[in-house]
C-alpha atoms as a PDB file:
ATOM      1  CA  UNK A   1     136.350 102.019 104.426  1.00  0.00           C
ATOM      2  CA  UNK A   2     133.113 102.948 102.782  1.00  0.00           C
ATOM      3  CA  UNK A   3     131.243 105.771 101.206  1.00  0.00           C
ATOM      4  CA  UNK A   4     129.543 108.354 103.323  1.00  0.00           C
ATOM      5  CA  UNK A   5     125.737 108.172 103.138  1.00  0.00           C
ATOM      6  CA  UNK A   6     124.082 110.380 100.542  1.00  0.00           C
ATOM      7  CA  UNK A   7     121.537 111.660 103.030  1.00  0.00           C
ATOM      8  CA  UNK A   8     120.807 111.754 106.759  1.00  0.00           C
ATOM      9  CA  UNK A   9     119.272 108.461 107.890  1.00  0.00           C
ATOM     10  CA  UNK A  10     118.697 109.349 111.561  1.00  0.00           C
ATOM     11  CA  UNK A  11     115.006 109.091 112.389  1.00  0.00           C
ATOM     12  CA  UNK A  12     114.207 107.383 109.086  1.00  0.00           C
ATOM     13  CA  UNK A  13     110.969 105.436 109.300  1.00  0.00           C
ATOM     14  CA  UNK A  14     110.615 102.393 107.079  1.00  0.00           C
ATOM     15  CA  UNK A  15     107.389 100.669 106.217  1.00  0.00           C
ATOM     16  CA  UNK A  16     103.958 101.646 105.026  1.00  0.00           C
ATOM     17  CA  UNK A  17     102.521 105.138 105.324  1.00  0.00           C
ATOM     18  CA  UNK A  18      99.865 105.531 107.998  1.00  0.00           C
ATOM     19  CA  UNK A  19      96.384 106.709 106.972  1.00  0.00           C
ATOM     20  CA  UNK A  20      97.186 110.123 108.481  1.00  0.00           C
ATOM     21  CA  UNK A  21     100.460 110.397 106.540  1.00  0.00           C
ATOM     22  CA  UNK A  22      98.661 109.316 103.356  1.00  0.00           C
ATOM     23  CA  UNK A  23      96.147 112.143 103.822  1.00  0.00           C
ATOM     24  CA  UNK A  24      98.906 114.710 104.418  1.00  0.00           C
ATOM     25  CA  UNK A  25     100.781 113.587 101.293  1.00  0.00           C
ATOM     26  CA  UNK A  26      97.637 113.505  99.151  1.00  0.00           C
ATOM     27  CA  UNK A  27      96.623 117.001 100.243  1.00  0.00           C
ATOM     28  CA  UNK A  28     100.136 118.339  99.642  1.00  0.00           C
ATOM     29  CA  UNK A  29     100.323 116.823  96.135  1.00  0.00           C
ATOM     30  CA  UNK A  30      96.908 118.204  95.200  1.00  0.00           C
ATOM     31  CA  UNK A  31      97.975 121.708  96.229  1.00  0.00           C
ATOM     32  CA  UNK A  32     101.598 121.737  95.043  1.00  0.00           C
ATOM     33  CA  UNK A  33     102.043 118.950  92.501  1.00  0.00           C
ATOM     34  CA  UNK A  34     104.416 116.024  92.767  1.00  0.00           C
ATOM     35  CA  UNK A  35     107.781 117.725  92.455  1.00  0.00           C
ATOM     36  CA  UNK A  36     110.697 115.598  93.640  1.00  0.00           C
ATOM     37  CA  UNK A  37     109.563 112.271  95.091  1.00  0.00           C
ATOM     38  CA  UNK A  38     112.680 112.090  97.275  1.00  0.00           C
ATOM     39  CA  UNK A  39     111.868 115.430  98.944  1.00  0.00           C
ATOM     40  CA  UNK A  40     108.091 115.041  99.025  1.00  0.00           C
ATOM     41  CA  UNK A  41     107.698 113.769 102.632  1.00  0.00           C
ATOM     42  CA  UNK A  42     110.018 116.480 103.986  1.00  0.00           C
ATOM     43  CA  UNK A  43     108.243 119.213 102.046  1.00  0.00           C
ATOM     44  CA  UNK A  44     104.841 117.933 103.190  1.00  0.00           C
ATOM     45  CA  UNK A  45     106.005 118.026 106.809  1.00  0.00           C
ATOM     46  CA  UNK A  46     106.248 114.315 107.490  1.00  0.00           C
END
């Protein structure tokens, strides 16, 4: 028995951000602010 995961982990990429992903995140943060760090990649479209 165990706990169900708190979020969907299918398709989760681990590791460093690519230069392209970095640019997307930087641009998104400059336009919209930080907001929730957990939701940031999803909101930025990554």
